[in-house]
Amino acid sequence: MKLLEERIRRDGKIRENGEVLKVDSFLNHQIDVRLYNEMGKEFFRLFGDEGVTKILTIEASGIGIACVAAQYFDVPVLFAKKSKSKNIDGTVYVTKVHSFTHGGDYDVMVAKDFLHPTDRVLLIDDFLANGSALRGLMDLVYQAGGTVVGAGICVEKAFQPGGDQLRSQGLRVESLARIAAMSETQGVTFC
């Protein structure tokens, strides 16, 4: 998606010797709602014929784009929580994910009341690098007996193994911006 690629080139900042792309000025801290709207339309164009009944993401950065996309699909958004709170009644599906950003493993969960065997689930997330978050979300859907129809990703670090591994396992992954390489001196190269 050229609009997103142009925004990354203009406002993205590369840190940590080319390992971290900061897009917090428009994507995952401060949100450019017009850009999100265009991304939501694009996810609907890509997955609108898949019979999606629910969108699943992980807290916190995926929630905004999942909500905007869900308006086009006219389905609810469910997000995996990173900790059980008093507002989760009953039993939950739980899986473990590794966060590259936070440098650790944690459990994520969704209430069993909201994920069912009849659900056709589209996974949405802001970033794909090693694929741990998506594998965790897939596991939650499979625990419920549901179907994963695919994954919509805003930014994929294609130079990391997650996307290729998930595609080779049969998951349809559609990334709006695929980064082939990035460095603090050379900037971003897209696939």
N, C-alpha and C. Protein backbone atom coordinates (compact mmCIF):
# COMPACT_ATOMS: atom_id res chain seq x y z
N MET A 1 0.86 -1.17 0.00
CA MET A 1 0.00 0.00 0.00
C MET A 1 0.91 1.24 0.00
N LYS A 2 0.89 1.91 -1.11
CA LYS A 2 1.82 3.04 -1.30
C LYS A 2 1.66 4.13 -0.24
N LEU A 3 0.42 4.40 0.16
CA LEU A 3 0.18 5.45 1.14
C LEU A 3 0.92 5.16 2.45
N LEU A 4 0.86 3.93 2.91
CA LEU A 4 1.56 3.55 4.14
C LEU A 4 3.08 3.57 3.94
N GLU A 5 3.54 3.06 2.81
CA GLU A 5 4.98 3.08 2.54
C GLU A 5 5.53 4.50 2.53
N GLU A 6 4.79 5.41 1.88
CA GLU A 6 5.23 6.81 1.85
C GLU A 6 5.28 7.41 3.25
N ARG A 7 4.32 7.06 4.08
CA ARG A 7 4.29 7.59 5.44
C ARG A 7 5.45 7.05 6.27
N ILE A 8 5.77 5.78 6.07
CA ILE A 8 6.91 5.18 6.77
C ILE A 8 8.20 5.87 6.34
N ARG A 9 8.36 6.09 5.04
CA ARG A 9 9.56 6.78 4.55
C ARG A 9 9.68 8.18 5.15
N ARG A 10 8.55 8.88 5.21
CA ARG A 10 8.56 10.27 5.67
C ARG A 10 8.71 10.40 7.18
N ASP A 11 7.97 9.59 7.95
CA ASP A 11 7.89 9.81 9.38
C ASP A 11 8.44 8.67 10.24
N GLY A 12 8.76 7.54 9.64
CA GLY A 12 9.31 6.43 10.40
C GLY A 12 10.75 6.73 10.83
N LYS A 13 11.13 6.19 11.97
CA LYS A 13 12.49 6.39 12.48
C LYS A 13 13.08 5.02 12.80
N ILE A 14 14.28 4.80 12.31
CA ILE A 14 14.95 3.51 12.51
C ILE A 14 15.91 3.65 13.67
N ARG A 15 15.83 2.70 14.59
CA ARG A 15 16.64 2.72 15.81
C ARG A 15 17.27 1.35 16.04
N GLU A 16 18.08 1.29 17.11
CA GLU A 16 18.66 0.02 17.57
C GLU A 16 19.42 -0.72 16.46
N ASN A 17 20.28 0.02 15.74
CA ASN A 17 21.10 -0.57 14.67
C ASN A 17 20.26 -1.25 13.60
N GLY A 18 19.14 -0.64 13.25
CA GLY A 18 18.31 -1.17 12.18
C GLY A 18 17.35 -2.26 12.59
N GLU A 19 17.16 -2.49 13.86
CA GLU A 19 16.25 -3.54 14.32
C GLU A 19 14.85 -3.01 14.65
N VAL A 20 14.74 -1.74 14.98
CA VAL A 20 13.46 -1.18 15.42
C VAL A 20 13.03 -0.08 14.47
N LEU A 21 11.78 -0.16 14.02
CA LEU A 21 11.18 0.89 13.21
C LEU A 21 10.14 1.58 14.08
N LYS A 22 10.38 2.84 14.40
CA LYS A 22 9.43 3.62 15.20
C LYS A 22 8.45 4.32 14.27
N VAL A 23 7.20 3.95 14.44
CA VAL A 23 6.13 4.57 13.67
C VAL A 23 5.06 5.10 14.63
N ASP A 24 5.54 5.48 15.80
CA ASP A 24 4.62 5.88 16.86
C ASP A 24 3.97 7.24 16.62
N SER A 25 4.46 8.01 15.67
CA SER A 25 3.85 9.32 15.41
C SER A 25 2.57 9.20 14.57
N PHE A 26 2.31 7.99 13.99
CA PHE A 26 1.11 7.85 13.17
C PHE A 26 0.44 6.48 13.25
N LEU A 27 1.12 5.46 13.80
CA LEU A 27 0.56 4.11 13.73
C LEU A 27 0.27 3.48 15.09
N ASN A 28 1.21 3.51 16.02
CA ASN A 28 0.99 2.73 17.22
C ASN A 28 1.21 3.47 18.55
N HIS A 29 1.13 4.78 18.51
CA HIS A 29 1.05 5.56 19.75
C HIS A 29 0.10 6.73 19.48
N GLN A 30 0.51 7.63 18.62
CA GLN A 30 -0.41 8.63 18.08
C GLN A 30 -0.95 8.02 16.79
N ILE A 31 -2.25 8.12 16.59
CA ILE A 31 -2.89 7.43 15.47
C ILE A 31 -3.39 8.42 14.43
N ASP A 32 -3.01 8.18 13.18
CA ASP A 32 -3.54 8.94 12.05
C ASP A 32 -4.81 8.21 11.59
N VAL A 33 -5.96 8.72 11.98
CA VAL A 33 -7.22 8.04 11.74
C VAL A 33 -7.52 7.93 10.25
N ARG A 34 -7.16 8.94 9.47
CA ARG A 34 -7.39 8.86 8.02
C ARG A 34 -6.57 7.72 7.40
N LEU A 35 -5.34 7.58 7.83
CA LEU A 35 -4.50 6.48 7.35
C LEU A 35 -5.10 5.14 7.78
N TYR A 36 -5.52 5.05 9.04
CA TYR A 36 -6.17 3.82 9.52
C TYR A 36 -7.39 3.49 8.67
N ASN A 37 -8.17 4.50 8.33
CA ASN A 37 -9.36 4.28 7.52
C ASN A 37 -8.99 3.66 6.17
N GLU A 38 -7.95 4.18 5.54
CA GLU A 38 -7.51 3.63 4.25
C GLU A 38 -6.99 2.20 4.42
N MET A 39 -6.31 1.92 5.52
CA MET A 39 -5.83 0.56 5.76
C MET A 39 -7.01 -0.38 6.02
N GLY A 40 -8.00 0.09 6.75
CA GLY A 40 -9.19 -0.73 6.99
C GLY A 40 -9.90 -1.08 5.69
N LYS A 41 -10.03 -0.12 4.79
CA LYS A 41 -10.61 -0.37 3.46
C LYS A 41 -9.81 -1.42 2.70
N GLU A 42 -8.48 -1.31 2.80
CA GLU A 42 -7.63 -2.25 2.08
C GLU A 42 -7.75 -3.66 2.65
N PHE A 43 -7.82 -3.80 3.97
CA PHE A 43 -8.01 -5.12 4.55
C PHE A 43 -9.35 -5.71 4.10
N PHE A 44 -10.38 -4.86 4.00
CA PHE A 44 -11.67 -5.35 3.52
C PHE A 44 -11.58 -5.77 2.06
N ARG A 45 -10.86 -5.01 1.25
CA ARG A 45 -10.68 -5.39 -0.15
C ARG A 45 -9.99 -6.76 -0.24
N LEU A 46 -9.01 -6.98 0.61
CA LEU A 46 -8.24 -8.22 0.57
C LEU A 46 -9.00 -9.42 1.14
N PHE A 47 -9.79 -9.21 2.18
CA PHE A 47 -10.41 -10.33 2.89
C PHE A 47 -11.94 -10.28 2.91
N GLY A 48 -12.53 -9.34 2.21
CA GLY A 48 -13.98 -9.15 2.28
C GLY A 48 -14.80 -10.33 1.81
N ASP A 49 -14.24 -11.22 1.01
CA ASP A 49 -14.98 -12.37 0.50
C ASP A 49 -14.73 -13.64 1.31
N GLU A 50 -14.12 -13.52 2.49
CA GLU A 50 -13.76 -14.69 3.30
C GLU A 50 -14.80 -15.07 4.35
N GLY A 51 -15.92 -14.36 4.41
CA GLY A 51 -16.95 -14.69 5.38
C GLY A 51 -16.52 -14.45 6.83
N VAL A 52 -15.74 -13.40 7.04
CA VAL A 52 -15.22 -13.08 8.38
C VAL A 52 -16.39 -12.81 9.33
N THR A 53 -16.33 -13.45 10.50
CA THR A 53 -17.35 -13.20 11.52
C THR A 53 -16.78 -12.46 12.73
N LYS A 54 -15.46 -12.42 12.81
CA LYS A 54 -14.82 -11.76 13.96
C LYS A 54 -13.40 -11.37 13.57
N ILE A 55 -12.94 -10.25 14.12
CA ILE A 55 -11.54 -9.85 13.99
C ILE A 55 -10.89 -10.02 15.35
N LEU A 56 -9.71 -10.65 15.36
CA LEU A 56 -8.97 -10.89 16.59
C LEU A 56 -7.62 -10.21 16.50
N THR A 57 -7.25 -9.51 17.56
CA THR A 57 -5.95 -8.87 17.65
C THR A 57 -5.42 -9.06 19.06
N ILE A 58 -4.29 -8.45 19.32
CA ILE A 58 -3.67 -8.56 20.64
C ILE A 58 -3.50 -7.15 21.19
N GLU A 59 -3.69 -6.99 22.51
CA GLU A 59 -3.53 -5.64 23.05
C GLU A 59 -2.06 -5.26 23.03
N ALA A 60 -1.73 -4.05 22.80
CA ALA A 60 -2.62 -2.92 22.69
C ALA A 60 -2.59 -2.34 21.28
N SER A 61 -1.45 -2.42 20.60
CA SER A 61 -1.28 -1.68 19.35
C SER A 61 -2.18 -2.13 18.22
N GLY A 62 -2.65 -3.35 18.23
CA GLY A 62 -3.51 -3.82 17.15
C GLY A 62 -4.96 -3.41 17.28
N ILE A 63 -5.37 -2.94 18.45
CA ILE A 63 -6.78 -2.68 18.69
C ILE A 63 -7.33 -1.59 17.78
N GLY A 64 -6.61 -0.50 17.63
CA GLY A 64 -7.11 0.61 16.82
C GLY A 64 -7.37 0.21 15.39
N ILE A 65 -6.41 -0.40 14.73
CA ILE A 65 -6.60 -0.77 13.32
C ILE A 65 -7.64 -1.87 13.19
N ALA A 66 -7.71 -2.78 14.16
CA ALA A 66 -8.73 -3.81 14.12
C ALA A 66 -10.13 -3.20 14.18
N CYS A 67 -10.31 -2.20 15.03
CA CYS A 67 -11.61 -1.54 15.15
C CYS A 67 -12.00 -0.81 13.88
N VAL A 68 -11.07 -0.12 13.28
CA VAL A 68 -11.37 0.59 12.04
C VAL A 68 -11.71 -0.41 10.93
N ALA A 69 -10.92 -1.48 10.81
CA ALA A 69 -11.19 -2.49 9.79
C ALA A 69 -12.54 -3.15 10.02
N ALA A 70 -12.88 -3.41 11.27
CA ALA A 70 -14.13 -4.10 11.60
C ALA A 70 -15.36 -3.34 11.11
N GLN A 71 -15.26 -2.03 11.01
CA GLN A 71 -16.39 -1.25 10.49
C GLN A 71 -16.73 -1.64 9.06
N TYR A 72 -15.72 -1.99 8.28
CA TYR A 72 -15.96 -2.39 6.89
C TYR A 72 -16.52 -3.81 6.82
N PHE A 73 -16.09 -4.68 7.72
CA PHE A 73 -16.58 -6.05 7.74
C PHE A 73 -17.91 -6.18 8.48
N ASP A 74 -18.25 -5.17 9.29
CA ASP A 74 -19.46 -5.17 10.12
C ASP A 74 -19.46 -6.38 11.06
N VAL A 75 -18.31 -6.57 11.73
CA VAL A 75 -18.15 -7.66 12.70
C VAL A 75 -17.52 -7.10 13.97
N PRO A 76 -17.65 -7.84 15.09
CA PRO A 76 -17.00 -7.39 16.32
C PRO A 76 -15.49 -7.63 16.31
N VAL A 77 -14.81 -6.89 17.17
CA VAL A 77 -13.38 -7.07 17.41
C VAL A 77 -13.21 -7.71 18.78
N LEU A 78 -12.36 -8.69 18.83
CA LEU A 78 -11.98 -9.33 20.08
C LEU A 78 -10.48 -9.15 20.22
N PHE A 79 -10.03 -8.72 21.40
CA PHE A 79 -8.59 -8.62 21.57
C PHE A 79 -8.11 -9.49 22.70
N ALA A 80 -6.98 -10.15 22.47
CA ALA A 80 -6.36 -10.99 23.48
C ALA A 80 -5.74 -10.09 24.53
N LYS A 81 -6.08 -10.36 25.78
CA LYS A 81 -5.56 -9.57 26.89
C LYS A 81 -4.27 -10.20 27.41
N LYS A 82 -3.40 -9.33 27.90
CA LYS A 82 -2.11 -9.81 28.41
C LYS A 82 -2.16 -10.17 29.89
N SER A 83 -3.26 -9.86 30.54
CA SER A 83 -3.39 -10.27 31.94
C SER A 83 -4.87 -10.41 32.26
N LYS A 84 -5.18 -11.36 33.11
CA LYS A 84 -6.56 -11.57 33.51
C LYS A 84 -6.97 -10.47 34.48
N SER A 85 -8.13 -9.90 34.24
CA SER A 85 -8.61 -8.82 35.10
C SER A 85 -9.99 -9.20 35.65
N LYS A 86 -10.48 -8.40 36.53
CA LYS A 86 -11.76 -8.68 37.17
C LYS A 86 -12.92 -8.64 36.20
N ASN A 87 -12.73 -7.98 35.06
CA ASN A 87 -13.84 -7.89 34.12
C ASN A 87 -13.91 -9.08 33.16
N ILE A 88 -13.04 -10.06 33.31
CA ILE A 88 -13.15 -11.29 32.53
C ILE A 88 -13.83 -12.33 33.42
N ASP A 89 -15.08 -12.63 33.10
CA ASP A 89 -15.83 -13.64 33.84
C ASP A 89 -15.63 -15.00 33.19
N GLY A 90 -15.64 -16.04 33.97
CA GLY A 90 -15.63 -17.38 33.43
C GLY A 90 -14.26 -17.86 32.97
N THR A 91 -14.30 -18.82 32.07
CA THR A 91 -13.08 -19.47 31.62
C THR A 91 -12.51 -18.77 30.39
N VAL A 92 -11.24 -19.01 30.16
CA VAL A 92 -10.54 -18.35 29.07
C VAL A 92 -9.72 -19.35 28.28
N TYR A 93 -9.46 -19.00 27.03
CA TYR A 93 -8.43 -19.68 26.25
C TYR A 93 -7.15 -18.91 26.51
N VAL A 94 -6.04 -19.62 26.72
CA VAL A 94 -4.77 -19.00 27.06
C VAL A 94 -3.68 -19.58 26.18
N THR A 95 -2.75 -18.71 25.76
CA THR A 95 -1.56 -19.16 25.04
C THR A 95 -0.41 -18.24 25.41
N LYS A 96 0.78 -18.68 25.11
CA LYS A 96 1.98 -17.91 25.44
C LYS A 96 2.55 -17.29 24.16
N VAL A 97 2.96 -16.03 24.24
CA VAL A 97 3.62 -15.36 23.11
C VAL A 97 4.89 -14.69 23.60
N HIS A 98 5.80 -14.51 22.65
CA HIS A 98 7.04 -13.79 22.95
C HIS A 98 6.96 -12.42 22.31
N SER A 99 7.28 -11.38 23.06
CA SER A 99 7.28 -10.02 22.53
C SER A 99 8.71 -9.58 22.24
N PHE A 100 8.99 -9.32 20.97
CA PHE A 100 10.29 -8.77 20.58
C PHE A 100 10.46 -7.39 21.19
N THR A 101 9.38 -6.59 21.13
CA THR A 101 9.43 -5.22 21.61
C THR A 101 9.71 -5.15 23.11
N HIS A 102 9.04 -6.03 23.86
CA HIS A 102 9.18 -5.99 25.31
C HIS A 102 10.22 -6.97 25.84
N GLY A 103 10.73 -7.83 24.96
CA GLY A 103 11.80 -8.74 25.34
C GLY A 103 11.43 -9.79 26.37
N GLY A 104 10.25 -10.38 26.23
CA GLY A 104 9.87 -11.42 27.18
C GLY A 104 8.65 -12.20 26.73
N ASP A 105 8.36 -13.28 27.43
CA ASP A 105 7.19 -14.10 27.16
C ASP A 105 6.06 -13.71 28.11
N TYR A 106 4.85 -13.84 27.62
CA TYR A 106 3.69 -13.57 28.47
C TYR A 106 2.50 -14.36 27.95
N ASP A 107 1.56 -14.62 28.85
CA ASP A 107 0.32 -15.28 28.47
C ASP A 107 -0.66 -14.25 27.95
N VAL A 108 -1.40 -14.64 26.92
CA VAL A 108 -2.51 -13.82 26.44
C VAL A 108 -3.77 -14.68 26.49
N MET A 109 -4.90 -14.03 26.64
CA MET A 109 -6.13 -14.80 26.81
C MET A 109 -7.33 -14.08 26.23
N VAL A 110 -8.33 -14.90 25.88
CA VAL A 110 -9.64 -14.38 25.50
C VAL A 110 -10.69 -15.22 26.23
N ALA A 111 -11.77 -14.58 26.60
CA ALA A 111 -12.86 -15.29 27.26
C ALA A 111 -13.52 -16.26 26.28
N LYS A 112 -13.81 -17.45 26.77
CA LYS A 112 -14.44 -18.47 25.93
C LYS A 112 -15.81 -18.03 25.43
N ASP A 113 -16.44 -17.09 26.13
CA ASP A 113 -17.76 -16.59 25.72
C ASP A 113 -17.73 -15.92 24.35
N PHE A 114 -16.56 -15.45 23.91
CA PHE A 114 -16.50 -14.61 22.72
C PHE A 114 -15.83 -15.25 21.51
N LEU A 115 -15.38 -16.48 21.62
CA LEU A 115 -14.71 -17.16 20.50
C LEU A 115 -15.31 -18.55 20.39
N HIS A 116 -15.87 -18.87 19.21
CA HIS A 116 -16.67 -20.08 19.05
C HIS A 116 -16.22 -20.90 17.83
N PRO A 117 -16.63 -22.17 17.78
CA PRO A 117 -16.28 -23.02 16.65
C PRO A 117 -16.82 -22.51 15.32
N THR A 118 -17.89 -21.75 15.35
CA THR A 118 -18.48 -21.23 14.10
C THR A 118 -17.78 -19.97 13.59
N ASP A 119 -16.87 -19.41 14.37
CA ASP A 119 -16.22 -18.16 13.97
C ASP A 119 -15.21 -18.37 12.85
N ARG A 120 -15.26 -17.43 11.90
CA ARG A 120 -14.26 -17.32 10.82
C ARG A 120 -13.50 -16.03 11.14
N VAL A 121 -12.26 -16.19 11.57
CA VAL A 121 -11.54 -15.12 12.23
C VAL A 121 -10.44 -14.55 11.34
N LEU A 122 -10.44 -13.22 11.24
CA LEU A 122 -9.34 -12.50 10.59
C LEU A 122 -8.47 -11.94 11.70
N LEU A 123 -7.18 -12.27 11.66
CA LEU A 123 -6.22 -11.73 12.60
C LEU A 123 -5.70 -10.41 12.06
N ILE A 124 -5.60 -9.41 12.91
CA ILE A 124 -5.08 -8.10 12.52
C ILE A 124 -4.01 -7.70 13.53
N ASP A 125 -2.88 -7.18 13.03
CA ASP A 125 -1.86 -6.66 13.93
C ASP A 125 -1.08 -5.56 13.23
N ASP A 126 -0.41 -4.74 14.03
CA ASP A 126 0.34 -3.62 13.46
C ASP A 126 1.66 -4.07 12.85
N PHE A 127 2.35 -5.03 13.49
CA PHE A 127 3.66 -5.48 13.01
C PHE A 127 3.73 -6.99 12.94
N LEU A 128 4.51 -7.48 11.99
CA LEU A 128 4.87 -8.89 11.91
C LEU A 128 6.38 -8.95 11.74
N ALA A 129 7.06 -9.63 12.65
CA ALA A 129 8.51 -9.82 12.58
C ALA A 129 8.82 -11.31 12.66
N ASN A 130 8.79 -11.85 13.86
CA ASN A 130 9.07 -13.27 14.05
C ASN A 130 7.81 -14.14 14.08
N GLY A 131 6.65 -13.52 14.19
CA GLY A 131 5.39 -14.25 14.07
C GLY A 131 4.83 -14.82 15.35
N SER A 132 5.44 -14.55 16.48
CA SER A 132 4.97 -15.13 17.74
C SER A 132 3.55 -14.68 18.09
N ALA A 133 3.25 -13.42 17.93
CA ALA A 133 1.91 -12.92 18.26
C ALA A 133 0.86 -13.59 17.38
N LEU A 134 1.13 -13.70 16.08
CA LEU A 134 0.15 -14.34 15.20
C LEU A 134 -0.02 -15.81 15.52
N ARG A 135 1.07 -16.50 15.82
CA ARG A 135 0.96 -17.91 16.19
C ARG A 135 0.12 -18.06 17.47
N GLY A 136 0.31 -17.14 18.42
CA GLY A 136 -0.49 -17.18 19.63
C GLY A 136 -1.96 -16.94 19.35
N LEU A 137 -2.26 -15.96 18.50
CA LEU A 137 -3.66 -15.68 18.16
C LEU A 137 -4.28 -16.86 17.43
N MET A 138 -3.52 -17.48 16.52
CA MET A 138 -4.01 -18.67 15.82
C MET A 138 -4.34 -19.77 16.83
N ASP A 139 -3.47 -19.96 17.81
CA ASP A 139 -3.68 -21.00 18.81
C ASP A 139 -4.98 -20.75 19.57
N LEU A 140 -5.27 -19.51 19.91
CA LEU A 140 -6.51 -19.20 20.62
C LEU A 140 -7.73 -19.58 19.77
N VAL A 141 -7.68 -19.25 18.48
CA VAL A 141 -8.80 -19.59 17.58
C VAL A 141 -8.94 -21.11 17.48
N TYR A 142 -7.82 -21.82 17.34
CA TYR A 142 -7.87 -23.27 17.21
C TYR A 142 -8.36 -23.93 18.49
N GLN A 143 -8.00 -23.37 19.65
CA GLN A 143 -8.52 -23.90 20.91
C GLN A 143 -10.05 -23.83 20.94
N ALA A 144 -10.60 -22.79 20.33
CA ALA A 144 -12.05 -22.61 20.30
C ALA A 144 -12.71 -23.44 19.20
N GLY A 145 -11.90 -24.03 18.32
CA GLY A 145 -12.44 -24.80 17.21
C GLY A 145 -12.82 -23.95 16.02
N GLY A 146 -12.43 -22.67 16.03
CA GLY A 146 -12.75 -21.75 14.95
C GLY A 146 -11.81 -21.89 13.77
N THR A 147 -12.05 -21.06 12.76
CA THR A 147 -11.26 -21.06 11.53
C THR A 147 -10.54 -19.73 11.39
N VAL A 148 -9.25 -19.77 11.12
CA VAL A 148 -8.48 -18.57 10.81
C VAL A 148 -8.49 -18.40 9.30
N VAL A 149 -9.07 -17.28 8.82
CA VAL A 149 -9.15 -17.06 7.38
C VAL A 149 -7.91 -16.36 6.84
N GLY A 150 -7.13 -15.73 7.73
CA GLY A 150 -5.92 -15.04 7.30
C GLY A 150 -5.49 -14.02 8.32
N ALA A 151 -4.42 -13.32 7.95
CA ALA A 151 -3.86 -12.29 8.83
C ALA A 151 -3.61 -11.03 8.02
N GLY A 152 -4.11 -9.91 8.51
CA GLY A 152 -3.87 -8.61 7.92
C GLY A 152 -2.87 -7.86 8.78
N ILE A 153 -1.76 -7.50 8.18
CA ILE A 153 -0.65 -6.87 8.90
C ILE A 153 -0.40 -5.49 8.32
N CYS A 154 -0.20 -4.51 9.17
CA CYS A 154 0.15 -3.17 8.68
C CYS A 154 1.57 -3.18 8.12
N VAL A 155 2.55 -3.54 8.95
CA VAL A 155 3.96 -3.49 8.56
C VAL A 155 4.61 -4.83 8.85
N GLU A 156 5.17 -5.44 7.80
CA GLU A 156 5.90 -6.70 7.95
C GLU A 156 7.38 -6.45 7.75
N LYS A 157 8.17 -6.90 8.69
CA LYS A 157 9.63 -6.91 8.52
C LYS A 157 9.97 -8.20 7.79
N ALA A 158 9.93 -8.14 6.45
CA ALA A 158 10.10 -9.33 5.63
C ALA A 158 11.50 -9.93 5.73
N PHE A 159 12.44 -9.18 6.26
CA PHE A 159 13.79 -9.70 6.45
C PHE A 159 13.89 -10.57 7.71
N GLN A 160 12.82 -10.63 8.49
CA GLN A 160 12.75 -11.54 9.63
C GLN A 160 11.85 -12.71 9.24
N PRO A 161 11.97 -13.86 9.92
CA PRO A 161 11.39 -15.09 9.39
C PRO A 161 9.89 -15.29 9.57
N GLY A 162 9.21 -14.50 10.38
CA GLY A 162 7.82 -14.78 10.72
C GLY A 162 6.88 -14.93 9.56
N GLY A 163 6.86 -13.97 8.66
CA GLY A 163 5.93 -14.01 7.53
C GLY A 163 6.13 -15.22 6.64
N ASP A 164 7.36 -15.49 6.28
CA ASP A 164 7.63 -16.64 5.42
C ASP A 164 7.27 -17.95 6.10
N GLN A 165 7.58 -18.07 7.39
CA GLN A 165 7.24 -19.29 8.13
C GLN A 165 5.73 -19.51 8.17
N LEU A 166 4.99 -18.45 8.48
CA LEU A 166 3.53 -18.58 8.56
C LEU A 166 2.92 -18.89 7.20
N ARG A 167 3.42 -18.25 6.16
CA ARG A 167 2.91 -18.54 4.81
C ARG A 167 3.20 -19.99 4.43
N SER A 168 4.40 -20.48 4.77
CA SER A 168 4.75 -21.87 4.43
C SER A 168 3.89 -22.87 5.20
N GLN A 169 3.31 -22.44 6.31
CA GLN A 169 2.40 -23.30 7.08
C GLN A 169 0.96 -23.17 6.61
N GLY A 170 0.73 -22.40 5.55
CA GLY A 170 -0.59 -22.30 4.95
C GLY A 170 -1.43 -21.10 5.36
N LEU A 171 -0.88 -20.20 6.19
CA LEU A 171 -1.65 -19.02 6.59
C LEU A 171 -1.57 -17.97 5.50
N ARG A 172 -2.71 -17.44 5.13
CA ARG A 172 -2.73 -16.32 4.19
C ARG A 172 -2.37 -15.05 4.96
N VAL A 173 -1.22 -14.48 4.64
CA VAL A 173 -0.75 -13.26 5.29
C VAL A 173 -0.72 -12.16 4.24
N GLU A 174 -1.44 -11.07 4.51
CA GLU A 174 -1.46 -9.91 3.63
C GLU A 174 -0.92 -8.72 4.41
N SER A 175 0.24 -8.23 4.01
CA SER A 175 0.88 -7.11 4.69
C SER A 175 0.80 -5.88 3.81
N LEU A 176 0.40 -4.76 4.39
CA LEU A 176 0.22 -3.54 3.61
C LEU A 176 1.54 -2.87 3.26
N ALA A 177 2.56 -3.08 4.06
CA ALA A 177 3.91 -2.59 3.76
C ALA A 177 4.88 -3.70 4.17
N ARG A 178 5.69 -4.16 3.21
CA ARG A 178 6.67 -5.22 3.49
C ARG A 178 8.06 -4.62 3.37
N ILE A 179 8.79 -4.65 4.46
CA ILE A 179 10.13 -4.06 4.49
C ILE A 179 11.16 -5.14 4.20
N ALA A 180 11.96 -4.90 3.16
CA ALA A 180 13.02 -5.84 2.78
C ALA A 180 14.27 -5.61 3.61
N ALA A 181 14.55 -4.34 3.91
CA ALA A 181 15.74 -3.99 4.69
C ALA A 181 15.55 -2.60 5.26
N MET A 182 16.28 -2.33 6.35
CA MET A 182 16.26 -0.99 6.91
C MET A 182 17.53 -0.76 7.71
N SER A 183 17.99 0.48 7.64
CA SER A 183 19.16 0.87 8.41
C SER A 183 19.05 2.36 8.72
N GLU A 184 19.75 2.77 9.75
CA GLU A 184 19.70 4.17 10.15
C GLU A 184 20.31 5.08 9.08
N THR A 185 21.23 4.58 8.30
CA THR A 185 21.87 5.40 7.27
C THR A 185 21.20 5.29 5.91
N GLN A 186 20.69 4.10 5.57
CA GLN A 186 20.10 3.89 4.24
C GLN A 186 18.58 4.04 4.22
N GLY A 187 17.96 4.08 5.39
CA GLY A 187 16.50 4.18 5.43
C GLY A 187 15.83 2.82 5.22
N VAL A 188 14.64 2.87 4.64
CA VAL A 188 13.80 1.67 4.47
C VAL A 188 13.75 1.29 3.00
N THR A 189 13.90 -0.01 2.73
CA THR A 189 13.70 -0.56 1.39
C THR A 189 12.51 -1.50 1.47
N PHE A 190 11.54 -1.31 0.57
CA PHE A 190 10.34 -2.14 0.58
C PHE A 190 10.46 -3.24 -0.45
N CYS A 191 9.77 -4.35 -0.20
CA CYS A 191 9.74 -5.50 -1.13
C CYS A 191 8.97 -5.13 -2.39
